[in-house]
Amino acid sequence: MGTTTAGAAQPAKVKEDPGARPPRDGQGRAKRPKMGVQNAAGWLFSTPFLVLFTVFMAFPILATLLMSFTDFGLRNVTRPWEANFIGFENYVELFGDEKFLKSLFNTAYFVVVGVPLTIALGLVVAVLLNNGIDRARTFFRVGFYAPVVTTIVAVAVVWRFVLDPSDGLIAGLFSEVGLTAPDFLGSETLAMPSMIAMAVWRNVGTVMVLFIAGLQAIPTEVREAARLDGAGVWQEFRGITVPLLRPTLLYATVITTIGYLNVFEEPFVMTQGGPSDSTLTVSLNMYREGFNFFHMGYASAMAYVLFVVIMGITVLQLRLLKDNTK
């Protein structure tokens, strides 16, 4: 008579609905994880990158900067704390070093001639492949891009054969008309233009791909409107294509300039900086000072001078070529 069953005394269990909405606050908005949990998860997933970046990027960059103010050499590899702090002596010595000044001039020559040629040829090829060639378009694209993914050793073998003054391809063409081919890589006058020709041939594929992507992003309606207004091919290219390609042109110019300022592989493999340092670049000179002569503090100062040059030229290009069509 005053008793109840055990089932009635216990609260009823509520079954969970797998399709139920997440918990919500008083205003009906879904509750989010606490900010501390989000931050912890973000740092956890970022940790592998941060460790690799610190060990292989940030620390070497900082160490190189410190080394540039010391006389760090071979004797300090095992005892770096014994290197002597010499202030800006390495930087002062650089601008009195004729070899460094010549390497700086050679690098500037390589950039001033090579970058416009690469950009112009890449743009021409991109326009032809995008508009002028209908058949085997993929074949031509792969053909122009193949040198980009080819190793420098293979490229060097091909170009040494092409430029060989006795048995090369060009020598054969010269002999057909009764002339003697010049020694392209052995001439102080022709060695650098030969390096530039090889660099343009090797890098035009990258620029071509960038410009093709930019060309395909131009609305067809704009082109059709220009043609209806009576614009010719050259007027369309100058008034429509080039202005709308400005962001792509900026990007291609900046990355090509940075790559050419750091040019190392071409002279290292083909000429070792010769003849008479006519193809010696800043990067190759830096390599020699650091790993052949073990003047690592001096080479570090050279690296930071090149860094400042690259930064200054990049900022100048961004100011001159930035997109003002907004």
Foldseek 3Di string as FASTA:
>chain_A
DPDDDPVVVDDDDDDDDPPDDADDDPVRHHDDPDPVVVVVVVCVVCVVVVVCCVVPPVVVLVVLVQLLQWQFFPVCPVPVVPTGGNGCPLVVVQVVDPLNVLQAVLLVVLLVPQLVLLLVVLLVVLCCLQPVDDPCSVVVLCVQQVLQPDDLVVLLVLLCQQQVQPRHPVQVVQVVVPHGHDNQCADLVRNSVSLSVSVSSNCSSVLNVLLNVQVVPQDVVVVVVCVVVPDDPVRCCVVPVVLSCLVSSLVSSLVVSLCSLLDDSSCVSHPLCDDVNSNNHLNSVLCCVCPVVRSSSSSSSSVVVSVVVSVVVSVVSCVVRPRPPD
